[in-house]
Every structure is written in C-alpha cells, then in structure tokens.
Amino acid sequence: MVIKTAEYIKSSVHINDCPKPYYPEYAFIGRSNVGKSSLINMLLNRKNLSKVSSKPGKTRTINHFLVNGSWYLVDLPGFGFAKVSQEVRKQWDSMILEYLLHRKTLSCVFMLLDSRIPLQIKDMQFMQWLGQNQVPFVAISTKIDQCSQQQIEIHKKQLYSFFDTYWETRPQHVLSSSKEKKGRDEVLQIIEQANQVFRLSNVK
C-alpha cells in the first residue's frame, strides 16, 4: 500500500462525536509511552501528524486520521502509568470500551507492546478482553531496534506462550521499529487486506 494522503479529521470524547461510520477504521492502542505516536507517523510517512511526546498520557481523545481518502487510522488514549486522576482514568476507560464495542466500522485493533520489557499484566488482560469480546486485533511489538536478538526472542517466546494458552489460533504479531521503519509493510498489508474484506462485505 502506498500512502498518498493522510490528514487529521477530528478528536472526539464520545463515540457519537466520531466521524460518520462510513470508512473502515483501524485503532491503535497501548500502554503509555509505548511508542504509539512514533509508529503512527512512521506508518503514514509523516513527521508530526501524530505528536510525539515523552510525557505519558498525552493522547486523551479518540483521534481520527483519514488515509488515502478511504480508511481511518484511529489513535486511542494509552493506558498504564499516565499520571491522571482516577476520575479521568474512568472516563478514558469508558470512552475506549464504548468505542471498541460499538463502533460498527472498526475493522481491527493494533495492540502495541513494548519489546524492551516483560509482557505486562494489563497488556495481557486487555488482549484477553479483546478476544472475549471478539474484537479483531493484531499485536505489534515496538522499539525492537533497542533490543538484542536474544531479548527479542525472549519477548516472542513469552508472548506466544500467552497466546497459545488462551487462543486456539495464535493472533497475528508484527515486530516493529519506528526508527528503522521495520514492520511498516506488514501492518499496511494487514490493513489493505482488511479494506478489501470491508468493501466486499458492504457491497449491496
């Protein structure tokens, strides 16, 4: 897939505020500071379309970006160690879960994992929730350029062991590095294939 155009459309705090559900959508989510903004900029071949910040919890809304005039990339708030109040955390959780469960045009969730650290309990709990609610997802391990090959293999072994324990068919997994643009082709290919399925399923 060639990215010809990518433009910010709007930020929403409620599913009813999101753009009309017309195009297929691909949501990106992960623990705070997992490298989500860098990954989005790398995928769309833009420098500052999704702002990069070292301060966890910067994304606080559902952000829609229209790509090639035919599909949406959706940047969701991170979860984990962002320094926000319990009230704000509950609002984020409610907003995210409502979007994931009820957005009709959501085609896939890309779940970002930090390859530099052990698989976190919250990561596993969230992926289990996606599976239990039949929300399609792909796991993306970020920042592999900061890991040795041995560290990457340990990370994969832990992740695949988790998958094989709870899924009959192992979910898709992509290794990525925003700095080296690794994983870009794989993610865009997954989106391209899902776009074709979306179009076929909506042919009247």
N, C-alpha and C. Protein backbone atom coordinates (compact mmCIF):
# COMPACT_ATOMS: atom_id res chain seq x y z
N MET A 1 0.84 -1.20 0.00
CA MET A 1 0.00 0.00 0.00
C MET A 1 0.88 1.25 0.00
N VAL A 2 0.54 2.19 -0.87
CA VAL A 2 1.23 3.47 -0.93
C VAL A 2 0.38 4.51 -0.21
N ILE A 3 0.98 5.23 0.73
CA ILE A 3 0.25 6.28 1.45
C ILE A 3 0.37 7.57 0.65
N LYS A 4 -0.73 7.98 0.04
CA LYS A 4 -0.73 9.19 -0.78
C LYS A 4 -1.16 10.41 0.03
N THR A 5 -2.17 10.24 0.85
CA THR A 5 -2.66 11.35 1.67
C THR A 5 -2.97 10.85 3.08
N ALA A 6 -2.75 11.72 4.05
CA ALA A 6 -3.10 11.41 5.44
C ALA A 6 -3.40 12.73 6.12
N GLU A 7 -4.60 12.87 6.62
CA GLU A 7 -4.99 14.14 7.23
C GLU A 7 -5.77 13.93 8.53
N TYR A 8 -5.48 14.79 9.49
CA TYR A 8 -6.21 14.77 10.75
C TYR A 8 -7.64 15.26 10.49
N ILE A 9 -8.63 14.53 11.02
CA ILE A 9 -10.03 14.91 10.82
C ILE A 9 -10.63 15.54 12.07
N LYS A 10 -10.59 14.81 13.19
CA LYS A 10 -11.16 15.38 14.42
C LYS A 10 -10.80 14.53 15.62
N SER A 11 -10.99 15.13 16.80
CA SER A 11 -10.83 14.44 18.08
C SER A 11 -12.18 14.38 18.76
N SER A 12 -12.47 13.23 19.36
CA SER A 12 -13.79 13.03 19.97
C SER A 12 -13.65 12.49 21.38
N VAL A 13 -14.60 12.83 22.22
CA VAL A 13 -14.62 12.32 23.60
C VAL A 13 -15.76 11.33 23.79
N HIS A 14 -16.53 11.10 22.74
CA HIS A 14 -17.65 10.15 22.81
C HIS A 14 -17.84 9.54 21.43
N ILE A 15 -18.30 8.32 21.39
CA ILE A 15 -18.48 7.63 20.12
C ILE A 15 -19.45 8.38 19.20
N ASN A 16 -20.42 9.06 19.79
CA ASN A 16 -21.38 9.81 18.98
C ASN A 16 -20.76 11.04 18.31
N ASP A 17 -19.60 11.46 18.80
CA ASP A 17 -18.92 12.61 18.23
C ASP A 17 -17.98 12.23 17.09
N CYS A 18 -17.74 10.93 16.93
CA CYS A 18 -16.81 10.46 15.90
C CYS A 18 -17.37 10.72 14.50
N PRO A 19 -16.50 10.73 13.48
CA PRO A 19 -16.98 10.89 12.11
C PRO A 19 -18.03 9.82 11.76
N LYS A 20 -18.88 10.12 10.81
CA LYS A 20 -19.90 9.15 10.42
C LYS A 20 -19.24 7.82 10.05
N PRO A 21 -19.81 6.70 10.51
CA PRO A 21 -19.21 5.38 10.27
C PRO A 21 -19.37 4.93 8.83
N TYR A 22 -18.46 5.42 7.99
CA TYR A 22 -18.55 5.11 6.56
C TYR A 22 -17.33 4.31 6.09
N TYR A 23 -16.15 4.70 6.53
CA TYR A 23 -14.91 4.03 6.12
C TYR A 23 -14.46 3.03 7.18
N PRO A 24 -13.71 2.00 6.78
CA PRO A 24 -13.15 1.07 7.76
C PRO A 24 -12.16 1.79 8.67
N GLU A 25 -12.09 1.35 9.93
CA GLU A 25 -11.23 2.02 10.91
C GLU A 25 -10.26 1.03 11.56
N TYR A 26 -9.05 1.53 11.84
CA TYR A 26 -8.00 0.72 12.46
C TYR A 26 -7.49 1.49 13.67
N ALA A 27 -7.77 0.96 14.85
CA ALA A 27 -7.45 1.65 16.09
C ALA A 27 -6.10 1.19 16.64
N PHE A 28 -5.31 2.14 17.12
CA PHE A 28 -4.00 1.86 17.71
C PHE A 28 -4.05 2.22 19.19
N ILE A 29 -3.64 1.25 20.02
CA ILE A 29 -3.71 1.45 21.46
C ILE A 29 -2.56 0.71 22.13
N GLY A 30 -2.17 1.18 23.31
CA GLY A 30 -1.10 0.52 24.05
C GLY A 30 -0.83 1.27 25.34
N ARG A 31 0.03 0.71 26.16
CA ARG A 31 0.38 1.36 27.40
C ARG A 31 1.04 2.72 27.10
N SER A 32 0.92 3.63 28.05
CA SER A 32 1.50 4.96 27.88
C SER A 32 2.99 4.86 27.56
N ASN A 33 3.43 5.66 26.61
CA ASN A 33 4.84 5.75 26.22
C ASN A 33 5.37 4.49 25.54
N VAL A 34 4.48 3.75 24.88
CA VAL A 34 4.90 2.53 24.19
C VAL A 34 5.46 2.83 22.80
N GLY A 35 5.33 4.08 22.36
CA GLY A 35 5.83 4.46 21.04
C GLY A 35 4.73 4.54 20.00
N LYS A 36 3.51 4.80 20.44
CA LYS A 36 2.35 4.81 19.54
C LYS A 36 2.42 5.94 18.50
N SER A 37 2.71 7.15 18.97
CA SER A 37 2.75 8.28 18.04
C SER A 37 3.86 8.11 17.01
N SER A 38 5.02 7.62 17.45
CA SER A 38 6.13 7.39 16.51
C SER A 38 5.76 6.35 15.48
N LEU A 39 5.06 5.31 15.92
CA LEU A 39 4.64 4.25 14.99
C LEU A 39 3.64 4.78 13.97
N ILE A 40 2.68 5.57 14.43
CA ILE A 40 1.68 6.13 13.51
C ILE A 40 2.34 7.03 12.48
N ASN A 41 3.25 7.90 12.92
CA ASN A 41 3.96 8.77 11.99
C ASN A 41 4.77 7.96 10.98
N MET A 42 5.38 6.87 11.44
CA MET A 42 6.16 6.01 10.56
C MET A 42 5.28 5.32 9.53
N LEU A 43 4.14 4.81 9.97
CA LEU A 43 3.23 4.12 9.05
C LEU A 43 2.71 5.05 7.96
N LEU A 44 2.38 6.27 8.36
CA LEU A 44 1.80 7.22 7.41
C LEU A 44 2.85 8.06 6.69
N ASN A 45 4.12 7.80 7.02
CA ASN A 45 5.24 8.50 6.39
C ASN A 45 5.14 10.02 6.61
N ARG A 46 4.80 10.38 7.83
CA ARG A 46 4.70 11.78 8.21
C ARG A 46 5.56 12.01 9.45
N LYS A 47 6.01 13.23 9.66
CA LYS A 47 6.88 13.52 10.80
C LYS A 47 6.11 13.88 12.06
N ASN A 48 5.07 14.69 11.92
CA ASN A 48 4.40 15.19 13.11
C ASN A 48 2.89 15.10 13.03
N LEU A 49 2.37 14.15 12.23
CA LEU A 49 0.93 14.04 12.12
C LEU A 49 0.33 13.66 13.47
N SER A 50 0.94 12.67 14.11
CA SER A 50 0.57 12.32 15.48
C SER A 50 1.72 12.78 16.37
N LYS A 51 1.45 13.71 17.26
CA LYS A 51 2.51 14.34 18.04
C LYS A 51 3.21 13.34 18.96
N VAL A 52 4.53 13.39 18.95
CA VAL A 52 5.35 12.52 19.79
C VAL A 52 5.68 13.25 21.09
N SER A 53 5.52 12.58 22.20
CA SER A 53 5.84 13.19 23.49
C SER A 53 6.39 12.14 24.43
N SER A 54 7.36 12.54 25.25
CA SER A 54 7.91 11.64 26.26
C SER A 54 7.03 11.65 27.51
N LYS A 55 6.04 12.52 27.53
CA LYS A 55 5.15 12.60 28.68
C LYS A 55 3.99 11.64 28.50
N PRO A 56 3.89 10.60 29.35
CA PRO A 56 2.82 9.62 29.22
C PRO A 56 1.44 10.25 29.35
N GLY A 57 0.48 9.71 28.60
CA GLY A 57 -0.90 10.16 28.74
C GLY A 57 -1.25 11.37 27.91
N LYS A 58 -0.45 11.66 26.88
CA LYS A 58 -0.70 12.85 26.08
C LYS A 58 -1.99 12.72 25.25
N THR A 59 -2.23 11.54 24.69
CA THR A 59 -3.45 11.31 23.92
C THR A 59 -4.61 11.12 24.87
N ARG A 60 -5.61 11.98 24.77
CA ARG A 60 -6.74 11.91 25.71
C ARG A 60 -8.08 11.84 25.01
N THR A 61 -8.07 11.73 23.71
CA THR A 61 -9.31 11.68 22.94
C THR A 61 -9.20 10.60 21.86
N ILE A 62 -10.32 10.32 21.21
CA ILE A 62 -10.34 9.41 20.06
C ILE A 62 -10.00 10.26 18.84
N ASN A 63 -8.85 10.03 18.24
CA ASN A 63 -8.37 10.88 17.15
C ASN A 63 -8.44 10.16 15.81
N HIS A 64 -9.17 10.72 14.88
CA HIS A 64 -9.35 10.13 13.55
C HIS A 64 -8.45 10.80 12.51
N PHE A 65 -7.74 9.98 11.75
CA PHE A 65 -6.93 10.44 10.62
C PHE A 65 -7.43 9.72 9.36
N LEU A 66 -7.80 10.47 8.35
CA LEU A 66 -8.27 9.87 7.10
C LEU A 66 -7.08 9.62 6.18
N VAL A 67 -6.92 8.37 5.75
CA VAL A 67 -5.78 7.97 4.94
C VAL A 67 -6.24 7.58 3.54
N ASN A 68 -5.59 8.15 2.53
CA ASN A 68 -5.91 7.88 1.13
C ASN A 68 -7.39 8.09 0.81
N GLY A 69 -8.06 8.87 1.63
CA GLY A 69 -9.47 9.16 1.41
C GLY A 69 -10.36 7.95 1.49
N SER A 70 -9.86 6.84 2.12
CA SER A 70 -10.64 5.61 2.07
C SER A 70 -10.67 4.81 3.37
N TRP A 71 -9.82 5.16 4.35
CA TRP A 71 -9.87 4.47 5.63
C TRP A 71 -9.34 5.37 6.74
N TYR A 72 -9.77 5.05 7.96
CA TYR A 72 -9.36 5.85 9.11
C TYR A 72 -8.33 5.11 9.96
N LEU A 73 -7.29 5.82 10.33
CA LEU A 73 -6.40 5.38 11.39
C LEU A 73 -6.87 6.11 12.65
N VAL A 74 -7.11 5.36 13.71
CA VAL A 74 -7.65 5.95 14.94
C VAL A 74 -6.65 5.80 16.08
N ASP A 75 -6.25 6.92 16.63
CA ASP A 75 -5.30 6.97 17.73
C ASP A 75 -6.10 7.04 19.04
N LEU A 76 -6.02 5.97 19.84
CA LEU A 76 -6.76 5.91 21.10
C LEU A 76 -5.85 6.25 22.29
N PRO A 77 -6.42 6.76 23.39
CA PRO A 77 -5.62 7.06 24.58
C PRO A 77 -4.90 5.82 25.09
N GLY A 78 -3.69 6.01 25.59
CA GLY A 78 -2.95 4.90 26.15
C GLY A 78 -3.46 4.54 27.53
N PHE A 79 -2.99 3.41 28.03
CA PHE A 79 -3.35 3.03 29.39
C PHE A 79 -2.08 2.63 30.12
N GLY A 80 -2.14 2.61 31.45
CA GLY A 80 -0.95 2.21 32.18
C GLY A 80 -0.56 3.23 33.23
N PHE A 81 0.64 3.84 33.06
CA PHE A 81 1.15 4.65 34.14
C PHE A 81 1.01 6.15 33.92
N ALA A 82 0.10 6.59 33.07
CA ALA A 82 -0.12 8.02 32.89
C ALA A 82 -0.61 8.63 34.20
N LYS A 83 -0.04 9.79 34.54
CA LYS A 83 -0.38 10.43 35.81
C LYS A 83 -1.64 11.26 35.66
N VAL A 84 -2.77 10.60 35.79
CA VAL A 84 -4.06 11.28 35.72
C VAL A 84 -4.89 10.79 36.91
N SER A 85 -5.94 11.54 37.22
CA SER A 85 -6.79 11.19 38.35
C SER A 85 -7.61 9.94 38.06
N GLN A 86 -8.12 9.31 39.11
CA GLN A 86 -8.96 8.13 38.93
C GLN A 86 -10.21 8.47 38.13
N GLU A 87 -10.74 9.68 38.33
CA GLU A 87 -11.93 10.10 37.60
C GLU A 87 -11.65 10.19 36.10
N VAL A 88 -10.51 10.80 35.76
CA VAL A 88 -10.13 10.89 34.34
C VAL A 88 -9.87 9.51 33.77
N ARG A 89 -9.22 8.64 34.55
CA ARG A 89 -8.95 7.28 34.10
C ARG A 89 -10.23 6.54 33.78
N LYS A 90 -11.26 6.69 34.64
CA LYS A 90 -12.55 6.04 34.40
C LYS A 90 -13.21 6.58 33.13
N GLN A 91 -13.07 7.87 32.90
CA GLN A 91 -13.65 8.47 31.70
C GLN A 91 -12.97 7.92 30.45
N TRP A 92 -11.62 7.79 30.51
CA TRP A 92 -10.89 7.22 29.38
C TRP A 92 -11.34 5.79 29.12
N ASP A 93 -11.39 4.99 30.20
CA ASP A 93 -11.76 3.59 30.06
C ASP A 93 -13.15 3.44 29.44
N SER A 94 -14.08 4.23 29.93
CA SER A 94 -15.45 4.18 29.42
C SER A 94 -15.50 4.56 27.94
N MET A 95 -14.77 5.62 27.58
CA MET A 95 -14.74 6.09 26.20
C MET A 95 -14.13 5.03 25.27
N ILE A 96 -13.02 4.42 25.70
CA ILE A 96 -12.34 3.43 24.88
C ILE A 96 -13.19 2.18 24.70
N LEU A 97 -13.74 1.66 25.80
CA LEU A 97 -14.52 0.43 25.73
C LEU A 97 -15.78 0.62 24.88
N GLU A 98 -16.43 1.77 25.02
CA GLU A 98 -17.62 2.03 24.22
C GLU A 98 -17.26 2.06 22.73
N TYR A 99 -16.14 2.70 22.42
CA TYR A 99 -15.71 2.75 21.02
C TYR A 99 -15.41 1.35 20.50
N LEU A 100 -14.66 0.57 21.25
CA LEU A 100 -14.25 -0.76 20.78
C LEU A 100 -15.43 -1.71 20.63
N LEU A 101 -16.43 -1.57 21.48
CA LEU A 101 -17.57 -2.49 21.45
C LEU A 101 -18.64 -2.09 20.46
N HIS A 102 -18.77 -0.79 20.21
CA HIS A 102 -19.94 -0.33 19.46
C HIS A 102 -19.65 0.40 18.15
N ARG A 103 -18.39 0.63 17.83
CA ARG A 103 -18.08 1.30 16.57
C ARG A 103 -18.23 0.30 15.43
N LYS A 104 -19.24 0.47 14.60
CA LYS A 104 -19.61 -0.52 13.58
C LYS A 104 -18.53 -0.70 12.52
N THR A 105 -17.77 0.34 12.23
CA THR A 105 -16.79 0.26 11.14
C THR A 105 -15.38 -0.07 11.63
N LEU A 106 -15.25 -0.43 12.90
CA LEU A 106 -13.94 -0.83 13.42
C LEU A 106 -13.56 -2.18 12.83
N SER A 107 -12.50 -2.21 12.04
CA SER A 107 -12.07 -3.44 11.39
C SER A 107 -11.02 -4.20 12.18
N CYS A 108 -10.15 -3.48 12.89
CA CYS A 108 -9.07 -4.15 13.61
C CYS A 108 -8.46 -3.20 14.64
N VAL A 109 -8.02 -3.78 15.75
CA VAL A 109 -7.28 -3.04 16.77
C VAL A 109 -5.82 -3.47 16.71
N PHE A 110 -4.92 -2.53 16.66
CA PHE A 110 -3.50 -2.83 16.73
C PHE A 110 -3.04 -2.55 18.16
N MET A 111 -2.71 -3.63 18.86
CA MET A 111 -2.31 -3.57 20.26
C MET A 111 -0.80 -3.46 20.35
N LEU A 112 -0.28 -2.35 20.86
CA LEU A 112 1.15 -2.11 20.91
C LEU A 112 1.75 -2.62 22.22
N LEU A 113 2.88 -3.31 22.10
CA LEU A 113 3.59 -3.87 23.24
C LEU A 113 5.04 -3.41 23.19
N ASP A 114 5.60 -3.09 24.33
CA ASP A 114 6.99 -2.64 24.41
C ASP A 114 7.89 -3.87 24.47
N SER A 115 8.67 -4.10 23.42
CA SER A 115 9.50 -5.31 23.35
C SER A 115 10.66 -5.29 24.35
N ARG A 116 10.93 -4.13 24.95
CA ARG A 116 12.09 -4.00 25.85
C ARG A 116 11.81 -4.51 27.26
N ILE A 117 10.54 -4.70 27.58
CA ILE A 117 10.17 -5.11 28.95
C ILE A 117 9.31 -6.37 28.91
N PRO A 118 9.21 -7.08 30.03
CA PRO A 118 8.36 -8.27 30.07
C PRO A 118 6.90 -7.91 29.76
N LEU A 119 6.17 -8.87 29.25
CA LEU A 119 4.76 -8.67 28.97
C LEU A 119 4.04 -8.29 30.25
N GLN A 120 3.32 -7.18 30.22
CA GLN A 120 2.68 -6.65 31.42
C GLN A 120 1.29 -7.26 31.64
N ILE A 121 0.90 -7.35 32.90
CA ILE A 121 -0.41 -7.93 33.24
C ILE A 121 -1.54 -7.17 32.55
N LYS A 122 -1.45 -5.83 32.54
CA LYS A 122 -2.51 -5.04 31.90
C LYS A 122 -2.58 -5.30 30.40
N ASP A 123 -1.42 -5.54 29.77
CA ASP A 123 -1.41 -5.88 28.35
C ASP A 123 -2.16 -7.19 28.12
N MET A 124 -1.85 -8.19 28.95
CA MET A 124 -2.49 -9.49 28.80
C MET A 124 -3.99 -9.42 29.08
N GLN A 125 -4.35 -8.69 30.11
CA GLN A 125 -5.77 -8.55 30.46
C GLN A 125 -6.54 -7.88 29.33
N PHE A 126 -5.93 -6.86 28.73
CA PHE A 126 -6.62 -6.14 27.65
C PHE A 126 -6.77 -7.02 26.41
N MET A 127 -5.73 -7.78 26.06
CA MET A 127 -5.84 -8.66 24.91
C MET A 127 -6.85 -9.78 25.16
N GLN A 128 -6.91 -10.27 26.39
CA GLN A 128 -7.92 -11.27 26.73
C GLN A 128 -9.32 -10.68 26.58
N TRP A 129 -9.47 -9.43 27.00
CA TRP A 129 -10.78 -8.76 26.87
C TRP A 129 -11.16 -8.63 25.40
N LEU A 130 -10.20 -8.26 24.56
CA LEU A 130 -10.48 -8.16 23.12
C LEU A 130 -10.93 -9.51 22.57
N GLY A 131 -10.22 -10.56 22.97
CA GLY A 131 -10.58 -11.89 22.50
C GLY A 131 -11.95 -12.32 22.98
N GLN A 132 -12.25 -12.09 24.24
CA GLN A 132 -13.54 -12.48 24.81
C GLN A 132 -14.70 -11.73 24.15
N ASN A 133 -14.44 -10.51 23.72
CA ASN A 133 -15.49 -9.71 23.09
C ASN A 133 -15.43 -9.76 21.56
N GLN A 134 -14.61 -10.68 21.06
CA GLN A 134 -14.50 -10.92 19.61
C GLN A 134 -14.15 -9.65 18.83
N VAL A 135 -13.25 -8.86 19.40
CA VAL A 135 -12.74 -7.69 18.71
C VAL A 135 -11.44 -8.09 18.02
N PRO A 136 -11.37 -8.06 16.70
CA PRO A 136 -10.15 -8.48 15.99
C PRO A 136 -8.97 -7.60 16.37
N PHE A 137 -7.82 -8.22 16.61
CA PHE A 137 -6.65 -7.42 16.95
C PHE A 137 -5.38 -8.07 16.43
N VAL A 138 -4.36 -7.21 16.27
CA VAL A 138 -3.02 -7.63 15.88
C VAL A 138 -2.06 -7.05 16.91
N ALA A 139 -1.15 -7.85 17.41
CA ALA A 139 -0.16 -7.36 18.37
C ALA A 139 1.05 -6.82 17.63
N ILE A 140 1.51 -5.63 18.03
CA ILE A 140 2.71 -5.03 17.45
C ILE A 140 3.72 -4.80 18.56
N SER A 141 4.88 -5.43 18.46
CA SER A 141 5.95 -5.21 19.43
C SER A 141 6.82 -4.07 18.95
N THR A 142 6.90 -3.00 19.71
CA THR A 142 7.60 -1.79 19.30
C THR A 142 9.04 -1.76 19.81
N LYS A 143 9.81 -0.84 19.23
CA LYS A 143 11.17 -0.50 19.68
C LYS A 143 12.15 -1.67 19.65
N ILE A 144 12.02 -2.55 18.66
CA ILE A 144 12.94 -3.70 18.61
C ILE A 144 14.37 -3.28 18.28
N ASP A 145 14.55 -2.07 17.75
CA ASP A 145 15.91 -1.59 17.47
C ASP A 145 16.69 -1.35 18.76
N GLN A 146 15.97 -1.27 19.88
CA GLN A 146 16.62 -1.07 21.17
C GLN A 146 16.85 -2.38 21.92
N CYS A 147 16.62 -3.50 21.24
CA CYS A 147 16.76 -4.81 21.86
C CYS A 147 17.80 -5.65 21.12
N SER A 148 18.43 -6.55 21.84
CA SER A 148 19.29 -7.54 21.20
C SER A 148 18.41 -8.64 20.60
N GLN A 149 18.97 -9.44 19.72
CA GLN A 149 18.20 -10.54 19.13
C GLN A 149 17.74 -11.50 20.21
N GLN A 150 18.56 -11.71 21.22
CA GLN A 150 18.18 -12.59 22.32
C GLN A 150 16.98 -12.04 23.08
N GLN A 151 16.97 -10.73 23.32
CA GLN A 151 15.85 -10.10 24.00
C GLN A 151 14.57 -10.22 23.19
N ILE A 152 14.69 -10.06 21.88
CA ILE A 152 13.53 -10.19 21.00
C ILE A 152 12.97 -11.60 21.06
N GLU A 153 13.84 -12.59 21.04
CA GLU A 153 13.39 -13.98 21.09
C GLU A 153 12.71 -14.30 22.42
N ILE A 154 13.24 -13.76 23.51
CA ILE A 154 12.61 -13.96 24.82
C ILE A 154 11.23 -13.33 24.85
N HIS A 155 11.13 -12.12 24.29
CA HIS A 155 9.84 -11.42 24.21
C HIS A 155 8.84 -12.23 23.39
N LYS A 156 9.25 -12.72 22.24
CA LYS A 156 8.36 -13.51 21.39
C LYS A 156 7.91 -14.78 22.10
N LYS A 157 8.84 -15.44 22.77
CA LYS A 157 8.51 -16.69 23.46
C LYS A 157 7.45 -16.46 24.53
N GLN A 158 7.61 -15.38 25.28
CA GLN A 158 6.64 -15.07 26.33
C GLN A 158 5.27 -14.74 25.73
N LEU A 159 5.28 -13.93 24.67
CA LEU A 159 4.02 -13.53 24.03
C LEU A 159 3.32 -14.73 23.41
N TYR A 160 4.05 -15.56 22.69
CA TYR A 160 3.45 -16.71 22.03
C TYR A 160 2.94 -17.74 23.03
N SER A 161 3.63 -17.87 24.15
CA SER A 161 3.16 -18.77 25.20
C SER A 161 1.82 -18.29 25.75
N PHE A 162 1.70 -16.97 25.92
CA PHE A 162 0.43 -16.39 26.37
C PHE A 162 -0.66 -16.63 25.33
N PHE A 163 -0.37 -16.38 24.07
CA PHE A 163 -1.35 -16.60 23.02
C PHE A 163 -1.81 -18.05 22.97
N ASP A 164 -0.86 -18.97 23.01
CA ASP A 164 -1.18 -20.39 22.87
C ASP A 164 -1.97 -20.92 24.07
N THR A 165 -1.90 -20.22 25.20
CA THR A 165 -2.66 -20.63 26.38
C THR A 165 -4.12 -20.27 26.26
N TYR A 166 -4.41 -19.14 25.60
CA TYR A 166 -5.79 -18.64 25.59
C TYR A 166 -6.47 -18.62 24.22
N TRP A 167 -5.71 -18.86 23.16
CA TRP A 167 -6.30 -18.84 21.82
C TRP A 167 -6.04 -20.16 21.10
N GLU A 168 -7.04 -20.66 20.40
CA GLU A 168 -6.84 -21.86 19.58
C GLU A 168 -5.96 -21.53 18.38
N THR A 169 -6.18 -20.35 17.80
CA THR A 169 -5.36 -19.88 16.69
C THR A 169 -4.59 -18.64 17.16
N ARG A 170 -3.28 -18.68 17.06
CA ARG A 170 -2.44 -17.59 17.55
C ARG A 170 -2.74 -16.28 16.81
N PRO A 171 -3.03 -15.20 17.53
CA PRO A 171 -3.25 -13.89 16.88
C PRO A 171 -2.03 -13.44 16.09
N GLN A 172 -2.26 -12.58 15.11
CA GLN A 172 -1.15 -12.06 14.30
C GLN A 172 -0.23 -11.20 15.16
N HIS A 173 1.04 -11.20 14.79
CA HIS A 173 2.04 -10.46 15.54
C HIS A 173 3.06 -9.85 14.59
N VAL A 174 3.41 -8.59 14.83
CA VAL A 174 4.36 -7.87 13.99
C VAL A 174 5.45 -7.27 14.88
N LEU A 175 6.70 -7.44 14.49
CA LEU A 175 7.83 -6.79 15.15
C LEU A 175 8.09 -5.46 14.46
N SER A 176 8.26 -4.39 15.23
CA SER A 176 8.40 -3.08 14.58
C SER A 176 9.47 -2.21 15.22
N SER A 177 9.98 -1.31 14.40
CA SER A 177 10.88 -0.26 14.85
C SER A 177 10.55 0.99 14.05
N SER A 178 10.07 2.01 14.73
CA SER A 178 9.74 3.26 14.04
C SER A 178 10.99 3.91 13.47
N LYS A 179 12.08 3.79 14.19
CA LYS A 179 13.34 4.39 13.76
C LYS A 179 13.85 3.75 12.47
N GLU A 180 13.73 2.44 12.37
CA GLU A 180 14.23 1.72 11.20
C GLU A 180 13.14 1.34 10.21
N LYS A 181 11.91 1.77 10.50
CA LYS A 181 10.74 1.51 9.65
C LYS A 181 10.47 0.01 9.46
N LYS A 182 10.83 -0.77 10.47
CA LYS A 182 10.54 -2.19 10.40
C LYS A 182 9.09 -2.45 10.80
N GLY A 183 8.46 -3.37 10.10
CA GLY A 183 7.08 -3.72 10.38
C GLY A 183 6.08 -2.89 9.61
N ARG A 184 6.54 -1.84 8.94
CA ARG A 184 5.62 -0.95 8.23
C ARG A 184 4.87 -1.68 7.12
N ASP A 185 5.58 -2.41 6.29
CA ASP A 185 4.94 -3.11 5.17
C ASP A 185 3.95 -4.15 5.67
N GLU A 186 4.31 -4.85 6.75
CA GLU A 186 3.41 -5.88 7.27
C GLU A 186 2.10 -5.28 7.78
N VAL A 187 2.20 -4.18 8.52
CA VAL A 187 0.99 -3.55 9.06
C VAL A 187 0.11 -3.00 7.94
N LEU A 188 0.72 -2.34 6.97
CA LEU A 188 -0.06 -1.78 5.86
C LEU A 188 -0.69 -2.88 5.01
N GLN A 189 -0.02 -4.01 4.90
CA GLN A 189 -0.60 -5.14 4.16
C GLN A 189 -1.81 -5.70 4.89
N ILE A 190 -1.73 -5.79 6.21
CA ILE A 190 -2.87 -6.25 7.00
C ILE A 190 -4.06 -5.32 6.80
N ILE A 191 -3.78 -4.00 6.81
CA ILE A 191 -4.85 -3.02 6.61
C ILE A 191 -5.43 -3.12 5.21
N GLU A 192 -4.56 -3.28 4.22
CA GLU A 192 -5.04 -3.38 2.84
C GLU A 192 -5.94 -4.58 2.65
N GLN A 193 -5.57 -5.71 3.21
CA GLN A 193 -6.39 -6.91 3.11
C GLN A 193 -7.73 -6.73 3.82
N ALA A 194 -7.69 -6.09 5.00
CA ALA A 194 -8.93 -5.84 5.74
C ALA A 194 -9.83 -4.86 4.99
N ASN A 195 -9.23 -3.89 4.30
CA ASN A 195 -10.02 -2.95 3.49
C ASN A 195 -10.80 -3.69 2.40
N GLN A 196 -10.15 -4.67 1.78
CA GLN A 196 -10.82 -5.45 0.74
C GLN A 196 -11.98 -6.23 1.31
N VAL A 197 -11.79 -6.82 2.48
CA VAL A 197 -12.88 -7.55 3.14
C VAL A 197 -14.03 -6.61 3.49
N PHE A 198 -13.69 -5.42 3.96
CA PHE A 198 -14.71 -4.43 4.33
C PHE A 198 -15.53 -4.04 3.10
N ARG A 199 -14.84 -3.78 1.99
CA ARG A 199 -15.56 -3.39 0.77
C ARG A 199 -16.47 -4.51 0.28
N LEU A 200 -15.98 -5.72 0.31
CA LEU A 200 -16.80 -6.84 -0.15
C LEU A 200 -18.02 -7.07 0.74
N SER A 201 -17.84 -6.88 2.03
CA SER A 201 -18.94 -7.10 2.96
C SER A 201 -20.01 -6.00 2.90
N ASN A 202 -19.64 -4.87 2.28
CA ASN A 202 -20.56 -3.75 2.18
C ASN A 202 -21.12 -3.55 0.78
N VAL A 203 -20.83 -4.51 -0.11
CA VAL A 203 -21.39 -4.45 -1.46
C VAL A 203 -22.86 -4.84 -1.41
N LYS A 204 -23.69 -3.99 -1.92
CA LYS A 204 -25.13 -4.26 -1.89
C LYS A 204 -25.55 -5.05 -3.12
